[in-house]
Amino acid sequence: MAPASSFTFNVLTDTLPEDHSIPAFMVSTTRGFLPRQDPVIELPVEFNVLESILSRMPIKTASGFPGLLANGTLGDTVFKELPNLTDAIEKYRDDLPLMNAIYRDYSFLASAYLLEPCHQRFMHGEGYGLARQTLPSSIALPIVKVAEIVGFKPFMEYAGSYALFNYRLADPAQGLEYSNLRLIRAFEHGLDPESSEAGFVLVHIAMVRRSGELVKGAVDMLNGCSSRDRDLFDAGLKAVISALEKVNAVMNTMWNRSKPGSYTGFRTFIFGITSQSMFPDGVIYEGVSDEPMSFRGESGANDSMV
């Protein structure tokens, strides 16, 4: 794990993509704030029932037909089909990129399950009202377990689930070109790469693609300072400016790729629990704690680079 410099914070120059014993997210000079390797798409067979529910969940599924969230049957499906898969998580706990994929999938399911009633009311022109106030143990126990392993909160997070660990490459040979990016999970129509939901998420991935250049520039500046190497410092500063210009250029495409009028169709599912009228007392994580828990959501999230 080669550090980029002698300063304390460990920035990788080699992301070690074959090493599954270290976290999926570590800052590097090549991939920046993206995960060390592209996200895991398919879970082991023990999670087939979770995969089945998530593939049927979006308002419009990959097949183009209405999914569970379209007709308000996700909650019933969870109770009928989903067992507690905590033991399966324990079996694979040493594979940290896989743990991150499991965290991503459970966080999507948790958010969709809790906010499904609010979406149904919104689609009928009503106020959001109350969300479900209890997360069933079949979701609560696994998400708390896997969140502890990967170091995220047991609710949807920008990096670990909603955006930066939620993409796949249509053609691996083409890499991280925007046209080659697809979502793994979605709430509304996001499995269609031309949809506003896909655009909303994929623009962020396209921005963070440039973060390796930003990190390398910052590292070179710091190393230039510590070694009193003016040329290295200047090169690093130019790299930082260039990277930020590229990030801003991608940001300027946001509303071409994600129409503002479409945002409300999936926004419901990226609300958090904290300070939201849908969760006046927080959420009980069944089997975890009798005290309500509260976590912020992703509806106002943007990358810290911006």
Protein backbone atom coordinates (compact mmCIF):
# COMPACT_ATOMS: atom_id res chain seq x y z
CA MET A 1 0.00 0.00 0.00
CA ALA A 2 2.35 2.67 -1.26
CA PRO A 3 1.73 6.12 0.20
CA ALA A 4 2.00 9.12 -2.12
CA SER A 5 4.18 11.08 0.28
CA SER A 6 5.61 11.24 3.74
CA PHE A 7 2.73 13.22 5.29
CA THR A 8 0.54 11.38 7.79
CA PHE A 9 -2.64 10.85 5.76
CA ASN A 10 -2.23 7.75 3.61
CA VAL A 11 -3.02 8.51 -0.04
CA LEU A 12 -2.67 5.50 -2.30
CA THR A 13 -0.75 5.58 -5.56
CA ASP A 14 -1.70 1.94 -6.21
CA THR A 15 -5.38 1.26 -5.47
CA LEU A 16 -4.71 -2.49 -5.07
CA PRO A 17 -7.97 -3.52 -6.77
CA GLU A 18 -7.41 -7.21 -6.13
CA ASP A 19 -7.04 -6.73 -2.37
CA HIS A 20 -10.46 -7.26 -0.78
CA SER A 21 -9.16 -7.01 2.77
CA ILE A 22 -8.99 -3.21 2.81
CA PRO A 23 -11.95 -0.82 2.52
CA ALA A 24 -13.55 -0.10 -0.84
CA PHE A 25 -13.09 3.63 -0.21
CA MET A 26 -9.53 4.92 0.25
CA VAL A 27 -8.28 8.16 -1.27
CA SER A 28 -5.87 7.68 -4.19
CA THR A 29 -4.01 9.75 -6.76
CA THR A 30 -5.56 7.71 -9.57
CA ARG A 31 -9.22 7.24 -8.63
CA GLY A 32 -9.45 9.99 -6.05
CA PHE A 33 -12.64 9.59 -4.01
CA LEU A 34 -14.13 6.82 -6.15
CA PRO A 35 -13.94 3.29 -4.74
CA ARG A 36 -10.62 1.53 -5.28
CA GLN A 37 -12.21 -0.68 -7.92
CA ASP A 38 -15.51 -0.50 -9.78
CA PRO A 39 -18.46 -1.48 -7.55
CA VAL A 40 -19.50 -5.08 -7.07
CA ILE A 41 -22.69 -5.63 -9.07
CA GLU A 42 -23.80 -9.18 -8.25
CA LEU A 43 -24.11 -10.53 -4.70
CA PRO A 44 -23.50 -14.18 -3.72
CA VAL A 45 -26.36 -16.66 -4.12
CA GLU A 46 -27.28 -16.34 -0.44
CA PHE A 47 -28.68 -12.89 -1.32
CA ASN A 48 -30.77 -13.96 -4.30
CA VAL A 49 -34.01 -13.03 -2.57
CA LEU A 50 -32.66 -9.53 -1.83
CA GLU A 51 -31.63 -9.20 -5.49
CA SER A 52 -35.06 -10.34 -6.61
CA ILE A 53 -36.84 -7.73 -4.51
CA LEU A 54 -34.50 -4.93 -5.58
CA SER A 55 -34.84 -5.81 -9.27
CA ARG A 56 -38.64 -5.62 -8.93
CA MET A 57 -38.58 -2.51 -6.73
CA PRO A 58 -38.21 0.52 -9.07
CA ILE A 59 -41.25 2.43 -10.27
CA LYS A 60 -40.16 1.31 -13.75
CA THR A 61 -38.04 -1.84 -13.77
CA ALA A 62 -35.26 -2.74 -16.19
CA SER A 63 -37.85 -4.58 -18.28
CA GLY A 64 -39.85 -1.36 -18.62
CA PHE A 65 -42.82 -2.62 -16.59
CA PRO A 66 -44.14 -1.06 -13.36
CA GLY A 67 -42.37 -2.30 -10.26
CA LEU A 68 -43.28 -2.71 -6.60
CA LEU A 69 -43.01 0.99 -5.82
CA ALA A 70 -45.39 1.81 -8.66
CA ASN A 71 -48.25 -0.05 -7.03
CA GLY A 72 -47.28 0.28 -3.38
CA THR A 73 -46.53 -3.41 -2.74
CA LEU A 74 -42.90 -3.22 -1.64
CA GLY A 75 -43.75 -3.35 2.07
CA ASP A 76 -45.91 -6.45 1.72
CA THR A 77 -43.26 -8.11 -0.44
CA VAL A 78 -40.57 -7.50 2.18
CA PHE A 79 -42.69 -9.14 4.87
CA LYS A 80 -43.61 -12.11 2.69
CA GLU A 81 -40.24 -12.84 1.09
CA LEU A 82 -37.23 -11.36 2.87
CA PRO A 83 -35.53 -13.42 5.60
CA ASN A 84 -32.90 -12.11 8.00
CA LEU A 85 -29.64 -12.61 6.09
CA THR A 86 -27.29 -11.49 8.85
CA ASP A 87 -25.57 -14.88 8.94
CA ALA A 88 -24.74 -14.58 5.24
CA ILE A 89 -23.19 -11.17 5.87
CA GLU A 90 -21.03 -12.67 8.60
CA LYS A 91 -19.86 -15.36 6.18
CA TYR A 92 -18.43 -12.75 3.78
CA ARG A 93 -17.43 -10.04 6.24
CA ASP A 94 -13.72 -10.11 5.28
CA ASP A 95 -14.51 -9.15 1.66
CA LEU A 96 -14.91 -5.40 2.19
CA PRO A 97 -15.84 -4.35 -1.39
CA LEU A 98 -18.57 -7.00 -1.30
CA MET A 99 -19.67 -5.71 2.09
CA ASN A 100 -20.01 -2.27 0.52
CA ALA A 101 -22.25 -3.69 -2.22
CA ILE A 102 -24.42 -5.37 0.40
CA TYR A 103 -24.58 -2.09 2.31
CA ARG A 104 -25.62 -0.28 -0.89
CA ASP A 105 -28.42 -2.73 -1.55
CA TYR A 106 -29.81 -2.76 1.98
CA SER A 107 -29.69 1.04 2.19
CA PHE A 108 -31.74 1.32 -1.02
CA LEU A 109 -34.25 -1.14 0.36
CA ALA A 110 -34.43 0.58 3.75
CA SER A 111 -35.11 4.00 2.25
CA ALA A 112 -37.68 2.67 -0.22
CA TYR A 113 -39.47 0.64 2.45
CA LEU A 114 -39.73 3.52 4.91
CA LEU A 115 -40.79 6.16 2.39
CA GLU A 116 -43.08 4.09 0.15
CA PRO A 117 -46.31 5.41 1.78
CA CYS A 118 -45.11 9.00 1.28
CA HIS A 119 -44.49 8.35 -2.39
CA GLN A 120 -47.96 6.89 -2.82
CA ARG A 121 -49.57 9.97 -1.27
CA PHE A 122 -47.40 12.32 -3.31
CA MET A 123 -48.41 10.59 -6.55
CA HIS A 124 -52.05 11.22 -5.61
CA GLY A 125 -51.40 14.92 -5.13
CA GLU A 126 -51.39 14.74 -1.33
CA GLY A 127 -48.80 15.77 1.24
CA TYR A 128 -46.10 13.32 2.22
CA GLY A 129 -47.73 12.48 5.55
CA LEU A 130 -46.02 9.96 7.78
CA ALA A 131 -43.53 7.37 6.57
CA ARG A 132 -43.29 3.95 8.13
CA GLN A 133 -41.92 4.42 11.61
CA THR A 134 -40.38 0.96 12.07
CA LEU A 135 -37.76 -0.77 9.94
CA PRO A 136 -38.42 -4.54 10.12
CA SER A 137 -35.71 -6.77 11.52
CA SER A 138 -35.17 -8.43 8.11
CA ILE A 139 -33.73 -5.09 6.96
CA ALA A 140 -32.69 -3.49 10.24
CA LEU A 141 -30.43 -6.26 11.54
CA PRO A 142 -28.47 -6.77 8.28
CA ILE A 143 -28.04 -3.06 7.53
CA VAL A 144 -26.75 -2.32 11.02
CA LYS A 145 -24.37 -5.28 10.81
CA VAL A 146 -22.94 -4.38 7.40
CA ALA A 147 -22.81 -0.65 8.20
CA GLU A 148 -20.59 -1.40 11.17
CA ILE A 149 -18.26 -3.44 8.94
CA VAL A 150 -17.88 -0.80 6.19
CA GLY A 151 -17.94 2.24 8.48
CA PHE A 152 -21.09 3.97 7.22
CA LYS A 153 -24.33 4.87 8.99
CA PRO A 154 -27.14 2.29 8.69
CA PHE A 155 -29.02 4.44 6.18
CA MET A 156 -28.37 5.67 2.65
CA GLU A 157 -25.10 7.60 2.16
CA TYR A 158 -23.81 9.50 -0.86
CA ALA A 159 -20.51 7.66 -1.24
CA GLY A 160 -21.27 4.20 0.05
CA SER A 161 -24.59 3.61 -1.65
CA TYR A 162 -26.60 6.23 -3.55
CA ALA A 163 -23.93 7.51 -5.94
CA LEU A 164 -20.30 6.47 -5.78
CA PHE A 165 -20.91 2.75 -5.24
CA ASN A 166 -23.94 2.63 -7.51
CA TYR A 167 -22.57 2.51 -11.04
CA ARG A 168 -21.50 -0.12 -13.52
CA LEU A 169 -19.75 0.09 -16.88
CA ALA A 170 -21.77 -0.90 -19.95
CA ASP A 171 -18.47 -1.77 -21.67
CA PRO A 172 -15.50 -2.19 -19.31
CA ALA A 173 -13.09 -1.33 -22.14
CA GLN A 174 -14.55 2.19 -22.40
CA GLY A 175 -13.97 3.00 -18.74
CA LEU A 176 -15.63 5.90 -16.94
CA GLU A 177 -16.89 7.85 -19.95
CA TYR A 178 -20.29 9.31 -19.08
CA SER A 179 -22.03 7.51 -21.97
CA ASN A 180 -20.68 4.21 -20.60
CA LEU A 181 -22.08 4.63 -17.08
CA ARG A 182 -25.21 2.84 -15.84
CA LEU A 183 -26.89 2.66 -12.43
CA ILE A 184 -26.99 -0.59 -10.47
CA ARG A 185 -29.92 0.44 -8.25
CA ALA A 186 -32.65 3.01 -8.75
CA PHE A 187 -35.95 4.17 -7.27
CA GLU A 188 -37.78 5.60 -10.26
CA HIS A 189 -36.66 5.23 -13.91
CA GLY A 190 -32.93 5.28 -13.21
CA LEU A 191 -32.15 1.95 -14.86
CA ASP A 192 -32.81 3.81 -18.11
CA PRO A 193 -29.51 5.71 -18.64
CA GLU A 194 -31.37 8.57 -20.35
CA SER A 195 -33.69 9.17 -17.39
CA SER A 196 -33.48 12.15 -15.07
CA GLU A 197 -32.78 9.92 -12.08
CA ALA A 198 -29.83 8.33 -13.88
CA GLY A 199 -28.56 11.75 -14.92
CA PHE A 200 -28.84 13.07 -11.37
CA VAL A 201 -26.59 10.31 -10.03
CA LEU A 202 -24.26 9.74 -12.97
CA VAL A 203 -23.28 13.40 -13.22
CA HIS A 204 -21.81 13.06 -9.74
CA ILE A 205 -19.82 9.99 -10.76
CA ALA A 206 -18.58 11.85 -13.82
CA MET A 207 -17.44 14.68 -11.53
CA VAL A 208 -15.71 12.43 -9.03
CA ARG A 209 -13.95 10.67 -11.89
CA ARG A 210 -11.75 13.79 -11.96
CA SER A 211 -10.95 13.64 -8.26
CA GLY A 212 -7.80 11.58 -8.82
CA GLU A 213 -6.30 14.53 -10.68
CA LEU A 214 -7.42 16.81 -7.87
CA VAL A 215 -5.86 14.59 -5.21
CA LYS A 216 -2.60 14.18 -7.10
CA GLY A 217 -2.34 17.93 -7.55
CA ALA A 218 -2.94 18.53 -3.86
CA VAL A 219 -0.35 15.89 -2.92
CA ASP A 220 2.21 17.45 -5.26
CA MET A 221 1.57 20.87 -3.75
CA LEU A 222 2.08 19.54 -0.22
CA ASN A 223 5.19 17.66 -1.22
CA GLY A 224 6.47 20.75 -3.01
CA CYS A 225 6.01 22.75 0.18
CA SER A 226 7.70 20.18 2.39
CA SER A 227 10.67 19.82 0.02
CA ARG A 228 10.77 23.52 -0.96
CA ASP A 229 10.41 22.46 -4.60
CA ARG A 230 8.71 25.39 -6.32
CA ASP A 231 8.34 23.58 -9.65
CA LEU A 232 6.55 20.65 -8.02
CA PHE A 233 4.27 23.01 -6.11
CA ASP A 234 3.41 24.98 -9.25
CA ALA A 235 2.69 21.81 -11.22
CA GLY A 236 0.42 20.61 -8.45
CA LEU A 237 -1.45 23.92 -8.31
CA LYS A 238 -2.01 23.84 -12.08
CA ALA A 239 -3.30 20.27 -11.80
CA VAL A 240 -5.78 21.27 -9.07
CA ILE A 241 -7.10 24.18 -11.15
CA SER A 242 -7.40 21.97 -14.24
CA ALA A 243 -9.27 19.28 -12.29
CA LEU A 244 -11.71 21.80 -10.81
CA GLU A 245 -12.39 23.24 -14.26
CA LYS A 246 -13.27 19.75 -15.47
CA VAL A 247 -15.51 19.18 -12.43
CA ASN A 248 -17.33 22.45 -13.05
CA ALA A 249 -17.78 21.59 -16.73
CA VAL A 250 -19.51 18.35 -15.74
CA MET A 251 -21.65 20.14 -13.15
CA ASN A 252 -22.86 22.51 -15.86
CA THR A 253 -24.44 19.56 -17.68
CA MET A 254 -26.60 18.58 -14.69
CA TRP A 255 -29.90 20.07 -15.82
CA ASN A 256 -29.47 18.80 -19.37
CA ARG A 257 -29.14 15.27 -18.06
CA SER A 258 -31.55 15.53 -15.12
CA LYS A 259 -34.61 17.69 -15.74
CA PRO A 260 -35.62 19.77 -12.69
CA GLY A 261 -39.28 18.92 -13.24
CA SER A 262 -38.54 15.21 -12.91
CA TYR A 263 -36.70 15.51 -9.60
CA THR A 264 -39.82 15.14 -7.45
CA GLY A 265 -40.49 11.71 -8.97
CA PHE A 266 -37.57 10.18 -7.06
CA ARG A 267 -36.81 12.83 -4.45
CA THR A 268 -39.17 11.22 -1.93
CA PHE A 269 -36.84 8.27 -1.54
CA ILE A 270 -33.73 10.31 -0.78
CA PHE A 271 -35.14 12.15 2.19
CA GLY A 272 -33.44 11.31 5.46
CA ILE A 273 -34.96 10.65 8.85
CA THR A 274 -33.44 13.61 10.71
CA SER A 275 -35.58 16.78 10.91
CA GLN A 276 -38.19 15.49 8.47
CA SER A 277 -41.94 15.72 9.06
CA MET A 278 -42.35 12.14 7.83
CA PHE A 279 -40.33 10.91 10.83
CA PRO A 280 -41.34 13.09 13.80
CA ASP A 281 -39.83 10.67 16.34
CA GLY A 282 -37.17 8.90 14.27
CA VAL A 283 -37.33 5.23 13.24
CA ILE A 284 -37.30 2.09 15.37
CA TYR A 285 -34.79 -0.40 13.99
CA GLU A 286 -36.58 -3.61 14.98
CA GLY A 287 -34.36 -6.10 16.75
CA VAL A 288 -31.60 -3.51 17.16
CA SER A 289 -32.87 -0.97 19.67
CA ASP A 290 -36.10 0.11 21.31
CA GLU A 291 -34.93 3.71 21.00
CA PRO A 292 -35.67 5.49 17.70
CA MET A 293 -32.72 6.18 15.42
CA SER A 294 -32.28 9.13 13.06
CA PHE A 295 -29.97 9.72 10.10
CA ARG A 296 -29.74 12.42 7.46
CA GLY A 297 -30.60 11.65 3.85
CA GLU A 298 -29.23 12.48 0.42
CA SER A 299 -31.73 14.95 -1.03
CA GLY A 300 -29.43 17.90 -0.46
CA ALA A 301 -26.15 16.10 -0.98
CA ASN A 302 -23.44 17.20 -3.33
CA ASP A 303 -19.82 16.31 -3.56
CA SER A 304 -17.44 18.20 -1.27
CA MET A 305 -15.33 19.08 -4.34
CA VAL A 306 -18.10 21.48 -5.38
